[in-house]
mmCIF file of all heavy atoms, coordinates in Angstrom:
data_MODEL
# 
_entry.id   MODEL 
# 
loop_
_atom_site.group_PDB 
_atom_site.id 
_atom_site.type_symbol 
_atom_site.label_atom_id 
_atom_site.label_alt_id 
_atom_site.label_comp_id 
_atom_site.label_asym_id 
_atom_site.label_entity_id 
_atom_site.label_seq_id 
_atom_site.pdbx_PDB_ins_code 
_atom_site.Cartn_x 
_atom_site.Cartn_y 
_atom_site.Cartn_z 
_atom_site.occupancy 
_atom_site.B_iso_or_equiv 
_atom_site.pdbx_formal_charge 
_atom_site.auth_seq_id 
_atom_site.auth_comp_id 
_atom_site.auth_asym_id 
_atom_site.auth_atom_id 
_atom_site.pdbx_PDB_model_num 
ATOM 1   N N   . ALA A 1 1  ? 7.756   -1.712  -6.921  1.00 0.00 ? 1  ALA A N   1 
ATOM 2   C CA  . ALA A 1 1  ? 7.555   -0.374  -7.457  1.00 0.00 ? 1  ALA A CA  1 
ATOM 3   C C   . ALA A 1 1  ? 6.558   0.431   -6.632  1.00 0.00 ? 1  ALA A C   1 
ATOM 4   O O   . ALA A 1 1  ? 6.211   1.527   -6.985  1.00 0.00 ? 1  ALA A O   1 
ATOM 5   C CB  . ALA A 1 1  ? 7.119   -0.425  -8.885  1.00 0.00 ? 1  ALA A CB  1 
ATOM 6   N N   . SER A 1 2  ? 6.013   -0.158  -5.560  1.00 0.00 ? 2  SER A N   1 
ATOM 7   C CA  . SER A 1 2  ? 4.959   0.475   -4.836  1.00 0.00 ? 2  SER A CA  1 
ATOM 8   C C   . SER A 1 2  ? 5.449   1.424   -3.720  1.00 0.00 ? 2  SER A C   1 
ATOM 9   O O   . SER A 1 2  ? 4.624   1.923   -2.974  1.00 0.00 ? 2  SER A O   1 
ATOM 10  C CB  . SER A 1 2  ? 4.064   -0.590  -4.194  1.00 0.00 ? 2  SER A CB  1 
ATOM 11  O OG  . SER A 1 2  ? 3.410   -1.358  -5.184  1.00 0.00 ? 2  SER A OG  1 
ATOM 12  N N   . ALA A 1 3  ? 6.739   1.627   -3.621  1.00 0.00 ? 3  ALA A N   1 
ATOM 13  C CA  . ALA A 1 3  ? 7.232   2.527   -2.563  1.00 0.00 ? 3  ALA A CA  1 
ATOM 14  C C   . ALA A 1 3  ? 8.462   3.261   -3.110  1.00 0.00 ? 3  ALA A C   1 
ATOM 15  O O   . ALA A 1 3  ? 9.111   2.844   -4.073  1.00 0.00 ? 3  ALA A O   1 
ATOM 16  C CB  . ALA A 1 3  ? 7.619   1.769   -1.306  1.00 0.00 ? 3  ALA A CB  1 
ATOM 17  N N   . GLY A 1 4  ? 8.757   4.423   -2.487  1.00 0.00 ? 4  GLY A N   1 
ATOM 18  C CA  . GLY A 1 4  ? 9.920   5.137   -2.857  1.00 0.00 ? 4  GLY A CA  1 
ATOM 19  C C   . GLY A 1 4  ? 9.664   6.232   -3.891  1.00 0.00 ? 4  GLY A C   1 
ATOM 20  O O   . GLY A 1 4  ? 8.546   6.454   -4.327  1.00 0.00 ? 4  GLY A O   1 
ATOM 21  N N   . SER A 1 5  ? 10.686  6.955   -4.230  1.00 0.00 ? 5  SER A N   1 
ATOM 22  C CA  . SER A 1 5  ? 10.569  8.082   -5.168  1.00 0.00 ? 5  SER A CA  1 
ATOM 23  C C   . SER A 1 5  ? 10.270  7.647   -6.566  1.00 0.00 ? 5  SER A C   1 
ATOM 24  O O   . SER A 1 5  ? 10.767  6.659   -7.044  1.00 0.00 ? 5  SER A O   1 
ATOM 25  C CB  . SER A 1 5  ? 11.905  8.892   -5.200  1.00 0.00 ? 5  SER A CB  1 
ATOM 26  O OG  . SER A 1 5  ? 11.838  9.902   -6.172  1.00 0.00 ? 5  SER A OG  1 
ATOM 27  N N   . PHE A 1 6  ? 9.386   8.371   -7.217  1.00 0.00 ? 6  PHE A N   1 
ATOM 28  C CA  . PHE A 1 6  ? 8.990   8.049   -8.595  1.00 0.00 ? 6  PHE A CA  1 
ATOM 29  C C   . PHE A 1 6  ? 9.408   9.175   -9.521  1.00 0.00 ? 6  PHE A C   1 
ATOM 30  O O   . PHE A 1 6  ? 8.724   9.514   -10.450 1.00 0.00 ? 6  PHE A O   1 
ATOM 31  C CB  . PHE A 1 6  ? 7.495   7.826   -8.655  1.00 0.00 ? 6  PHE A CB  1 
ATOM 32  C CG  . PHE A 1 6  ? 7.087   6.427   -8.366  1.00 0.00 ? 6  PHE A CG  1 
ATOM 33  C CD1 . PHE A 1 6  ? 7.108   6.022   -7.022  1.00 0.00 ? 6  PHE A CD1 1 
ATOM 34  C CD2 . PHE A 1 6  ? 6.789   5.522   -9.312  1.00 0.00 ? 6  PHE A CD2 1 
ATOM 35  C CE1 . PHE A 1 6  ? 6.771   4.723   -6.692  1.00 0.00 ? 6  PHE A CE1 1 
ATOM 36  C CE2 . PHE A 1 6  ? 6.461   4.218   -9.013  1.00 0.00 ? 6  PHE A CE2 1 
ATOM 37  C CZ  . PHE A 1 6  ? 6.423   3.813   -7.704  1.00 0.00 ? 6  PHE A CZ  1 
ATOM 38  N N   . ARG A 1 7  ? 10.573  9.742   -9.314  1.00 0.00 ? 7  ARG A N   1 
ATOM 39  C CA  . ARG A 1 7  ? 11.035  10.829  -10.140 1.00 0.00 ? 7  ARG A CA  1 
ATOM 40  C C   . ARG A 1 7  ? 11.356  10.300  -11.563 1.00 0.00 ? 7  ARG A C   1 
ATOM 41  O O   . ARG A 1 7  ? 11.386  11.068  -12.486 1.00 0.00 ? 7  ARG A O   1 
ATOM 42  C CB  . ARG A 1 7  ? 12.283  11.453  -9.516  1.00 0.00 ? 7  ARG A CB  1 
ATOM 43  C CG  . ARG A 1 7  ? 11.956  12.169  -8.217  1.00 0.00 ? 7  ARG A CG  1 
ATOM 44  C CD  . ARG A 1 7  ? 13.145  12.936  -7.622  1.00 0.00 ? 7  ARG A CD  1 
ATOM 45  N NE  . ARG A 1 7  ? 12.786  13.529  -6.377  1.00 0.00 ? 7  ARG A NE  1 
ATOM 46  C CZ  . ARG A 1 7  ? 12.102  14.656  -6.220  1.00 0.00 ? 7  ARG A CZ  1 
ATOM 47  N NH1 . ARG A 1 7  ? 11.655  15.323  -7.316  1.00 0.00 ? 7  ARG A NH1 1 
ATOM 48  N NH2 . ARG A 1 7  ? 11.821  15.155  -5.033  1.00 0.00 ? 7  ARG A NH2 1 
ATOM 49  N N   . GLY A 1 8  ? 11.605  9.013   -11.686 1.00 0.00 ? 8  GLY A N   1 
ATOM 50  C CA  . GLY A 1 8  ? 11.786  8.468   -13.013 1.00 0.00 ? 8  GLY A CA  1 
ATOM 51  C C   . GLY A 1 8  ? 10.637  7.514   -13.361 1.00 0.00 ? 8  GLY A C   1 
ATOM 52  O O   . GLY A 1 8  ? 10.838  6.362   -13.617 1.00 0.00 ? 8  GLY A O   1 
ATOM 53  N N   . PHE A 1 9  ? 9.401   8.055   -13.266 1.00 0.00 ? 9  PHE A N   1 
ATOM 54  C CA  . PHE A 1 9  ? 8.209   7.199   -13.391 1.00 0.00 ? 9  PHE A CA  1 
ATOM 55  C C   . PHE A 1 9  ? 8.174   6.374   -14.658 1.00 0.00 ? 9  PHE A C   1 
ATOM 56  O O   . PHE A 1 9  ? 7.788   5.243   -14.658 1.00 0.00 ? 9  PHE A O   1 
ATOM 57  C CB  . PHE A 1 9  ? 6.930   8.085   -13.299 1.00 0.00 ? 9  PHE A CB  1 
ATOM 58  C CG  . PHE A 1 9  ? 5.682   7.331   -13.504 1.00 0.00 ? 9  PHE A CG  1 
ATOM 59  C CD1 . PHE A 1 9  ? 5.358   6.251   -12.667 1.00 0.00 ? 9  PHE A CD1 1 
ATOM 60  C CD2 . PHE A 1 9  ? 4.754   7.688   -14.501 1.00 0.00 ? 9  PHE A CD2 1 
ATOM 61  C CE1 . PHE A 1 9  ? 4.180   5.552   -12.824 1.00 0.00 ? 9  PHE A CE1 1 
ATOM 62  C CE2 . PHE A 1 9  ? 3.611   6.954   -14.679 1.00 0.00 ? 9  PHE A CE2 1 
ATOM 63  C CZ  . PHE A 1 9  ? 3.284   5.915   -13.829 1.00 0.00 ? 9  PHE A CZ  1 
ATOM 64  N N   . VAL A 1 10 ? 8.654   6.993   -15.768 1.00 0.00 ? 10 VAL A N   1 
ATOM 65  C CA  . VAL A 1 10 ? 8.605   6.233   -17.054 1.00 0.00 ? 10 VAL A CA  1 
ATOM 66  C C   . VAL A 1 10 ? 9.441   4.963   -16.944 1.00 0.00 ? 10 VAL A C   1 
ATOM 67  O O   . VAL A 1 10 ? 9.178   3.984   -17.668 1.00 0.00 ? 10 VAL A O   1 
ATOM 68  C CB  . VAL A 1 10 ? 9.127   7.075   -18.206 1.00 0.00 ? 10 VAL A CB  1 
ATOM 69  C CG1 . VAL A 1 10 ? 8.132   8.197   -18.526 1.00 0.00 ? 10 VAL A CG1 1 
ATOM 70  C CG2 . VAL A 1 10 ? 10.514  7.625   -17.949 1.00 0.00 ? 10 VAL A CG2 1 
ATOM 71  N N   . GLU A 1 11 ? 10.405  4.944   -16.044 1.00 0.00 ? 11 GLU A N   1 
ATOM 72  C CA  . GLU A 1 11 ? 11.254  3.782   -15.958 1.00 0.00 ? 11 GLU A CA  1 
ATOM 73  C C   . GLU A 1 11 ? 10.585  2.625   -15.166 1.00 0.00 ? 11 GLU A C   1 
ATOM 74  O O   . GLU A 1 11 ? 11.092  1.544   -15.109 1.00 0.00 ? 11 GLU A O   1 
ATOM 75  C CB  . GLU A 1 11 ? 12.596  4.156   -15.282 1.00 0.00 ? 11 GLU A CB  1 
ATOM 76  C CG  . GLU A 1 11 ? 13.412  5.135   -16.080 1.00 0.00 ? 11 GLU A CG  1 
ATOM 77  C CD  . GLU A 1 11 ? 14.724  5.466   -15.436 1.00 0.00 ? 11 GLU A CD  1 
ATOM 78  O OE1 . GLU A 1 11 ? 15.035  4.891   -14.387 1.00 0.00 ? 11 GLU A OE1 1 
ATOM 79  O OE2 . GLU A 1 11 ? 15.452  6.329   -15.970 1.00 0.00 ? 11 GLU A OE2 1 
ATOM 80  N N   . THR A 1 12 ? 9.438   2.919   -14.558 1.00 0.00 ? 12 THR A N   1 
ATOM 81  C CA  . THR A 1 12 ? 8.732   1.881   -13.834 1.00 0.00 ? 12 THR A CA  1 
ATOM 82  C C   . THR A 1 12 ? 7.972   0.983   -14.826 1.00 0.00 ? 12 THR A C   1 
ATOM 83  O O   . THR A 1 12 ? 7.444   -0.037  -14.462 1.00 0.00 ? 12 THR A O   1 
ATOM 84  C CB  . THR A 1 12 ? 7.738   2.458   -12.816 1.00 0.00 ? 12 THR A CB  1 
ATOM 85  O OG1 . THR A 1 12 ? 6.652   3.080   -13.510 1.00 0.00 ? 12 THR A OG1 1 
ATOM 86  C CG2 . THR A 1 12 ? 8.421   3.396   -11.882 1.00 0.00 ? 12 THR A CG2 1 
ATOM 87  N N   . PHE A 1 13 ? 7.884   1.354   -16.120 1.00 0.00 ? 13 PHE A N   1 
ATOM 88  C CA  . PHE A 1 13 ? 7.233   0.521   -17.094 1.00 0.00 ? 13 PHE A CA  1 
ATOM 89  C C   . PHE A 1 13 ? 8.325   -0.446  -17.609 1.00 0.00 ? 13 PHE A C   1 
ATOM 90  O O   . PHE A 1 13 ? 9.277   -0.016  -18.275 1.00 0.00 ? 13 PHE A O   1 
ATOM 91  C CB  . PHE A 1 13 ? 6.703   1.318   -18.242 1.00 0.00 ? 13 PHE A CB  1 
ATOM 92  C CG  . PHE A 1 13 ? 5.579   2.209   -17.803 1.00 0.00 ? 13 PHE A CG  1 
ATOM 93  C CD1 . PHE A 1 13 ? 5.641   3.587   -17.996 1.00 0.00 ? 13 PHE A CD1 1 
ATOM 94  C CD2 . PHE A 1 13 ? 4.420   1.700   -17.259 1.00 0.00 ? 13 PHE A CD2 1 
ATOM 95  C CE1 . PHE A 1 13 ? 4.627   4.437   -17.598 1.00 0.00 ? 13 PHE A CE1 1 
ATOM 96  C CE2 . PHE A 1 13 ? 3.381   2.533   -16.847 1.00 0.00 ? 13 PHE A CE2 1 
ATOM 97  C CZ  . PHE A 1 13 ? 3.490   3.883   -17.034 1.00 0.00 ? 13 PHE A CZ  1 
ATOM 98  N N   . PRO A 1 14 ? 8.232   -1.748  -17.352 1.00 0.00 ? 14 PRO A N   1 
ATOM 99  C CA  . PRO A 1 14 ? 9.254   -2.692  -17.803 1.00 0.00 ? 14 PRO A CA  1 
ATOM 100 C C   . PRO A 1 14 ? 9.316   -2.798  -19.317 1.00 0.00 ? 14 PRO A C   1 
ATOM 101 O O   . PRO A 1 14 ? 8.286   -2.749  -19.976 1.00 0.00 ? 14 PRO A O   1 
ATOM 102 C CB  . PRO A 1 14 ? 8.858   -3.991  -17.125 1.00 0.00 ? 14 PRO A CB  1 
ATOM 103 C CG  . PRO A 1 14 ? 7.381   -3.869  -16.931 1.00 0.00 ? 14 PRO A CG  1 
ATOM 104 C CD  . PRO A 1 14 ? 7.143   -2.403  -16.633 1.00 0.00 ? 14 PRO A CD  1 
ATOM 105 N N   . ASP A 1 15 ? 10.504  -2.999  -19.839 1.00 0.00 ? 15 ASP A N   1 
ATOM 106 C CA  . ASP A 1 15 ? 10.644  -3.176  -21.270 1.00 0.00 ? 15 ASP A CA  1 
ATOM 107 C C   . ASP A 1 15 ? 10.267  -4.580  -21.700 1.00 0.00 ? 15 ASP A C   1 
ATOM 108 O O   . ASP A 1 15 ? 9.782   -4.800  -22.796 1.00 0.00 ? 15 ASP A O   1 
ATOM 109 C CB  . ASP A 1 15 ? 12.095  -2.894  -21.711 1.00 0.00 ? 15 ASP A CB  1 
ATOM 110 C CG  . ASP A 1 15 ? 12.430  -1.417  -21.620 1.00 0.00 ? 15 ASP A CG  1 
ATOM 111 O OD1 . ASP A 1 15 ? 11.516  -0.586  -21.783 1.00 0.00 ? 15 ASP A OD1 1 
ATOM 112 O OD2 . ASP A 1 15 ? 13.587  -1.057  -21.396 1.00 0.00 ? 15 ASP A OD2 1 
ATOM 113 N N   . GLU A 1 16 ? 10.530  -5.537  -20.836 1.00 0.00 ? 16 GLU A N   1 
ATOM 114 C CA  . GLU A 1 16 ? 10.174  -6.908  -21.144 1.00 0.00 ? 16 GLU A CA  1 
ATOM 115 C C   . GLU A 1 16 ? 9.386   -7.531  -19.996 1.00 0.00 ? 16 GLU A C   1 
ATOM 116 O O   . GLU A 1 16 ? 9.903   -7.586  -18.886 1.00 0.00 ? 16 GLU A O   1 
ATOM 117 C CB  . GLU A 1 16 ? 11.495  -7.761  -21.371 1.00 0.00 ? 16 GLU A CB  1 
ATOM 118 C CG  . GLU A 1 16 ? 12.260  -7.340  -22.602 1.00 0.00 ? 16 GLU A CG  1 
ATOM 119 C CD  . GLU A 1 16 ? 11.469  -7.553  -23.888 1.00 0.00 ? 16 GLU A CD  1 
ATOM 120 O OE1 . GLU A 1 16 ? 10.545  -8.367  -23.908 1.00 0.00 ? 16 GLU A OE1 1 
ATOM 121 O OE2 . GLU A 1 16 ? 11.791  -6.876  -24.871 1.00 0.00 ? 16 GLU A OE2 1 
ATOM 122 N N   . VAL A 1 17 ? 8.185   -7.898  -20.302 1.00 0.00 ? 17 VAL A N   1 
ATOM 123 C CA  . VAL A 1 17 ? 7.326   -8.540  -19.311 1.00 0.00 ? 17 VAL A CA  1 
ATOM 124 C C   . VAL A 1 17 ? 7.154   -9.994  -19.726 1.00 0.00 ? 17 VAL A C   1 
ATOM 125 O O   . VAL A 1 17 ? 6.534   -10.283 -20.757 1.00 0.00 ? 17 VAL A O   1 
ATOM 126 C CB  . VAL A 1 17 ? 5.959   -7.847  -19.252 1.00 0.00 ? 17 VAL A CB  1 
ATOM 127 C CG1 . VAL A 1 17 ? 5.065   -8.576  -18.225 1.00 0.00 ? 17 VAL A CG1 1 
ATOM 128 C CG2 . VAL A 1 17 ? 6.116   -6.381  -18.812 1.00 0.00 ? 17 VAL A CG2 1 
ATOM 129 N N   . LYS A 1 18 ? 7.795   -10.885 -19.009 1.00 0.00 ? 18 LYS A N   1 
ATOM 130 C CA  . LYS A 1 18 ? 7.797   -12.288 -19.418 1.00 0.00 ? 18 LYS A CA  1 
ATOM 131 C C   . LYS A 1 18 ? 6.435   -12.966 -19.237 1.00 0.00 ? 18 LYS A C   1 
ATOM 132 O O   . LYS A 1 18 ? 6.055   -13.868 -19.949 1.00 0.00 ? 18 LYS A O   1 
ATOM 133 C CB  . LYS A 1 18 ? 8.847   -13.047 -18.638 1.00 0.00 ? 18 LYS A CB  1 
ATOM 134 C CG  . LYS A 1 18 ? 10.283  -12.617 -18.924 1.00 0.00 ? 18 LYS A CG  1 
ATOM 135 C CD  . LYS A 1 18 ? 11.283  -13.428 -18.146 1.00 0.00 ? 18 LYS A CD  1 
ATOM 136 C CE  . LYS A 1 18 ? 12.688  -12.976 -18.440 1.00 0.00 ? 18 LYS A CE  1 
ATOM 137 N NZ  . LYS A 1 18 ? 13.710  -13.739 -17.695 1.00 0.00 ? 18 LYS A NZ  1 
ATOM 138 N N   . THR A 1 19 ? 5.631   -12.442 -18.284 1.00 0.00 ? 19 THR A N   1 
ATOM 139 C CA  . THR A 1 19 ? 4.382   -13.065 -17.992 1.00 0.00 ? 19 THR A CA  1 
ATOM 140 C C   . THR A 1 19 ? 3.287   -11.985 -17.994 1.00 0.00 ? 19 THR A C   1 
ATOM 141 O O   . THR A 1 19 ? 3.416   -10.963 -17.344 1.00 0.00 ? 19 THR A O   1 
ATOM 142 C CB  . THR A 1 19 ? 4.371   -13.782 -16.664 1.00 0.00 ? 19 THR A CB  1 
ATOM 143 O OG1 . THR A 1 19 ? 5.358   -14.793 -16.718 1.00 0.00 ? 19 THR A OG1 1 
ATOM 144 C CG2 . THR A 1 19 ? 3.006   -14.438 -16.403 1.00 0.00 ? 19 THR A CG2 1 
ATOM 145 N N   . LEU A 1 20 ? 2.214   -12.247 -18.692 1.00 0.00 ? 20 LEU A N   1 
ATOM 146 C CA  . LEU A 1 20 ? 1.019   -11.394 -18.682 1.00 0.00 ? 20 LEU A CA  1 
ATOM 147 C C   . LEU A 1 20 ? -0.061  -12.054 -17.846 1.00 0.00 ? 20 LEU A C   1 
ATOM 148 O O   . LEU A 1 20 ? -0.192  -13.297 -17.855 1.00 0.00 ? 20 LEU A O   1 
ATOM 149 C CB  . LEU A 1 20 ? 0.502   -11.134 -20.097 1.00 0.00 ? 20 LEU A CB  1 
ATOM 150 C CG  . LEU A 1 20 ? 1.472   -10.494 -21.046 1.00 0.00 ? 20 LEU A CG  1 
ATOM 151 C CD1 . LEU A 1 20 ? 0.822   -10.346 -22.417 1.00 0.00 ? 20 LEU A CD1 1 
ATOM 152 C CD2 . LEU A 1 20 ? 1.870   -9.110  -20.545 1.00 0.00 ? 20 LEU A CD2 1 
ATOM 153 N N   . TYR A 1 21 ? -0.806  -11.326 -17.078 1.00 0.00 ? 21 TYR A N   1 
ATOM 154 C CA  . TYR A 1 21 ? -1.843  -11.843 -16.228 1.00 0.00 ? 21 TYR A CA  1 
ATOM 155 C C   . TYR A 1 21 ? -3.142  -11.825 -17.008 1.00 0.00 ? 21 TYR A C   1 
ATOM 156 O O   . TYR A 1 21 ? -3.677  -10.783 -17.331 1.00 0.00 ? 21 TYR A O   1 
ATOM 157 C CB  . TYR A 1 21 ? -1.927  -10.959 -14.961 1.00 0.00 ? 21 TYR A CB  1 
ATOM 158 C CG  . TYR A 1 21 ? -2.679  -11.615 -13.813 1.00 0.00 ? 21 TYR A CG  1 
ATOM 159 C CD1 . TYR A 1 21 ? -1.928  -12.151 -12.762 1.00 0.00 ? 21 TYR A CD1 1 
ATOM 160 C CD2 . TYR A 1 21 ? -4.008  -11.691 -13.789 1.00 0.00 ? 21 TYR A CD2 1 
ATOM 161 C CE1 . TYR A 1 21 ? -2.547  -12.715 -11.649 1.00 0.00 ? 21 TYR A CE1 1 
ATOM 162 C CE2 . TYR A 1 21 ? -4.702  -12.288 -12.698 1.00 0.00 ? 21 TYR A CE2 1 
ATOM 163 C CZ  . TYR A 1 21 ? -3.932  -12.787 -11.634 1.00 0.00 ? 21 TYR A CZ  1 
ATOM 164 O OH  . TYR A 1 21 ? -4.580  -13.344 -10.574 1.00 0.00 ? 21 TYR A OH  1 
ATOM 165 N N   . ASN A 1 22 ? -3.671  -13.014 -17.343 1.00 0.00 ? 22 ASN A N   1 
ATOM 166 C CA  . ASN A 1 22 ? -4.886  -13.071 -18.170 1.00 0.00 ? 22 ASN A CA  1 
ATOM 167 C C   . ASN A 1 22 ? -6.115  -12.897 -17.297 1.00 0.00 ? 22 ASN A C   1 
ATOM 168 O O   . ASN A 1 22 ? -6.274  -13.483 -16.248 1.00 0.00 ? 22 ASN A O   1 
ATOM 169 C CB  . ASN A 1 22 ? -4.956  -14.422 -18.879 1.00 0.00 ? 22 ASN A CB  1 
ATOM 170 C CG  . ASN A 1 22 ? -4.535  -14.308 -20.312 1.00 0.00 ? 22 ASN A CG  1 
ATOM 171 O OD1 . ASN A 1 22 ? -3.596  -13.552 -20.606 1.00 0.00 ? 22 ASN A OD1 1 
ATOM 172 N ND2 . ASN A 1 22 ? -5.180  -15.012 -21.213 1.00 0.00 ? 22 ASN A ND2 1 
ATOM 173 N N   . ILE A 1 23 ? -7.016  -11.968 -17.739 1.00 0.00 ? 23 ILE A N   1 
ATOM 174 C CA  . ILE A 1 23 ? -8.191  -11.612 -17.014 1.00 0.00 ? 23 ILE A CA  1 
ATOM 175 C C   . ILE A 1 23 ? -9.397  -11.683 -17.937 1.00 0.00 ? 23 ILE A C   1 
ATOM 176 O O   . ILE A 1 23 ? -9.343  -11.213 -19.077 1.00 0.00 ? 23 ILE A O   1 
ATOM 177 C CB  . ILE A 1 23 ? -8.059  -10.163 -16.449 1.00 0.00 ? 23 ILE A CB  1 
ATOM 178 C CG1 . ILE A 1 23 ? -6.882  -10.064 -15.536 1.00 0.00 ? 23 ILE A CG1 1 
ATOM 179 C CG2 . ILE A 1 23 ? -9.338  -9.769  -15.751 1.00 0.00 ? 23 ILE A CG2 1 
ATOM 180 C CD1 . ILE A 1 23 ? -6.583  -8.660  -15.145 1.00 0.00 ? 23 ILE A CD1 1 
ATOM 181 N N   . PRO A 1 24 ? -10.502 -12.293 -17.481 1.00 0.00 ? 24 PRO A N   1 
ATOM 182 C CA  . PRO A 1 24 ? -11.757 -12.268 -18.293 1.00 0.00 ? 24 PRO A CA  1 
ATOM 183 C C   . PRO A 1 24 ? -12.175 -10.820 -18.476 1.00 0.00 ? 24 PRO A C   1 
ATOM 184 O O   . PRO A 1 24 ? -12.153 -10.015 -17.571 1.00 0.00 ? 24 PRO A O   1 
ATOM 185 C CB  . PRO A 1 24 ? -12.727 -13.055 -17.438 1.00 0.00 ? 24 PRO A CB  1 
ATOM 186 C CG  . PRO A 1 24 ? -11.899 -13.907 -16.541 1.00 0.00 ? 24 PRO A CG  1 
ATOM 187 C CD  . PRO A 1 24 ? -10.642 -13.075 -16.271 1.00 0.00 ? 24 PRO A CD  1 
ATOM 188 N N   . ILE A 1 25 ? -12.605 -10.494 -19.707 1.00 0.00 ? 25 ILE A N   1 
ATOM 189 C CA  . ILE A 1 25 ? -12.953 -9.119  -19.995 1.00 0.00 ? 25 ILE A CA  1 
ATOM 190 C C   . ILE A 1 25 ? -14.224 -9.032  -20.763 1.00 0.00 ? 25 ILE A C   1 
ATOM 191 O O   . ILE A 1 25 ? -14.741 -10.031 -21.279 1.00 0.00 ? 25 ILE A O   1 
ATOM 192 C CB  . ILE A 1 25 ? -11.856 -8.411  -20.878 1.00 0.00 ? 25 ILE A CB  1 
ATOM 193 C CG1 . ILE A 1 25 ? -11.648 -9.217  -22.157 1.00 0.00 ? 25 ILE A CG1 1 
ATOM 194 C CG2 . ILE A 1 25 ? -10.561 -8.315  -20.118 1.00 0.00 ? 25 ILE A CG2 1 
ATOM 195 C CD1 . ILE A 1 25 ? -10.800 -8.514  -23.173 1.00 0.00 ? 25 ILE A CD1 1 
ATOM 196 N N   . GLU A 1 26 ? -14.806 -7.826  -20.852 1.00 0.00 ? 26 GLU A N   1 
ATOM 197 C CA  . GLU A 1 26 ? -15.887 -7.562  -21.775 1.00 0.00 ? 26 GLU A CA  1 
ATOM 198 C C   . GLU A 1 26 ? -15.265 -7.316  -23.109 1.00 0.00 ? 26 GLU A C   1 
ATOM 199 O O   . GLU A 1 26 ? -14.075 -7.234  -23.305 1.00 0.00 ? 26 GLU A O   1 
ATOM 200 C CB  . GLU A 1 26 ? -16.731 -6.385  -21.299 1.00 0.00 ? 26 GLU A CB  1 
ATOM 201 C CG  . GLU A 1 26 ? -17.397 -6.646  -19.980 1.00 0.00 ? 26 GLU A CG  1 
ATOM 202 C CD  . GLU A 1 26 ? -18.112 -5.425  -19.460 1.00 0.00 ? 26 GLU A CD  1 
ATOM 203 O OE1 . GLU A 1 26 ? -18.126 -4.384  -20.120 1.00 0.00 ? 26 GLU A OE1 1 
ATOM 204 O OE2 . GLU A 1 26 ? -18.702 -5.504  -18.359 1.00 0.00 ? 26 GLU A OE2 1 
ATOM 205 N N   . LYS A 1 27 ? -16.124 -7.203  -24.163 1.00 0.00 ? 27 LYS A N   1 
ATOM 206 C CA  . LYS A 1 27 ? -15.616 -7.156  -25.522 1.00 0.00 ? 27 LYS A CA  1 
ATOM 207 C C   . LYS A 1 27 ? -14.801 -5.958  -25.787 1.00 0.00 ? 27 LYS A C   1 
ATOM 208 O O   . LYS A 1 27 ? -13.793 -6.005  -26.505 1.00 0.00 ? 27 LYS A O   1 
ATOM 209 C CB  . LYS A 1 27 ? -16.822 -7.196  -26.522 1.00 0.00 ? 27 LYS A CB  1 
ATOM 210 C CG  . LYS A 1 27 ? -16.426 -7.346  -27.955 1.00 0.00 ? 27 LYS A CG  1 
ATOM 211 C CD  . LYS A 1 27 ? -15.749 -8.661  -28.235 1.00 0.00 ? 27 LYS A CD  1 
ATOM 212 C CE  . LYS A 1 27 ? -15.418 -8.790  -29.694 1.00 0.00 ? 27 LYS A CE  1 
ATOM 213 N NZ  . LYS A 1 27 ? -14.698 -10.074 -29.968 1.00 0.00 ? 27 LYS A NZ  1 
ATOM 214 N N   . PHE A 1 28 ? -15.185 -4.766  -25.204 1.00 0.00 ? 28 PHE A N   1 
ATOM 215 C CA  . PHE A 1 28 ? -14.514 -3.548  -25.579 1.00 0.00 ? 28 PHE A CA  1 
ATOM 216 C C   . PHE A 1 28 ? -13.700 -2.948  -24.437 1.00 0.00 ? 28 PHE A C   1 
ATOM 217 O O   . PHE A 1 28 ? -14.258 -2.877  -23.335 1.00 0.00 ? 28 PHE A O   1 
ATOM 218 C CB  . PHE A 1 28 ? -15.494 -2.513  -26.147 1.00 0.00 ? 28 PHE A CB  1 
ATOM 219 C CG  . PHE A 1 28 ? -14.854 -1.151  -26.350 1.00 0.00 ? 28 PHE A CG  1 
ATOM 220 C CD1 . PHE A 1 28 ? -14.058 -0.962  -27.462 1.00 0.00 ? 28 PHE A CD1 1 
ATOM 221 C CD2 . PHE A 1 28 ? -15.067 -0.106  -25.484 1.00 0.00 ? 28 PHE A CD2 1 
ATOM 222 C CE1 . PHE A 1 28 ? -13.489 0.276   -27.685 1.00 0.00 ? 28 PHE A CE1 1 
ATOM 223 C CE2 . PHE A 1 28 ? -14.482 1.117   -25.707 1.00 0.00 ? 28 PHE A CE2 1 
ATOM 224 C CZ  . PHE A 1 28 ? -13.707 1.290   -26.807 1.00 0.00 ? 28 PHE A CZ  1 
# 
């Protein structure tokens, strides 16, 4: 998704993400 036309930008958000990338975070 990092190249090319983004005229349909909303479609770059996947409906199903099988894997989430876990990241250490602060509380808020």
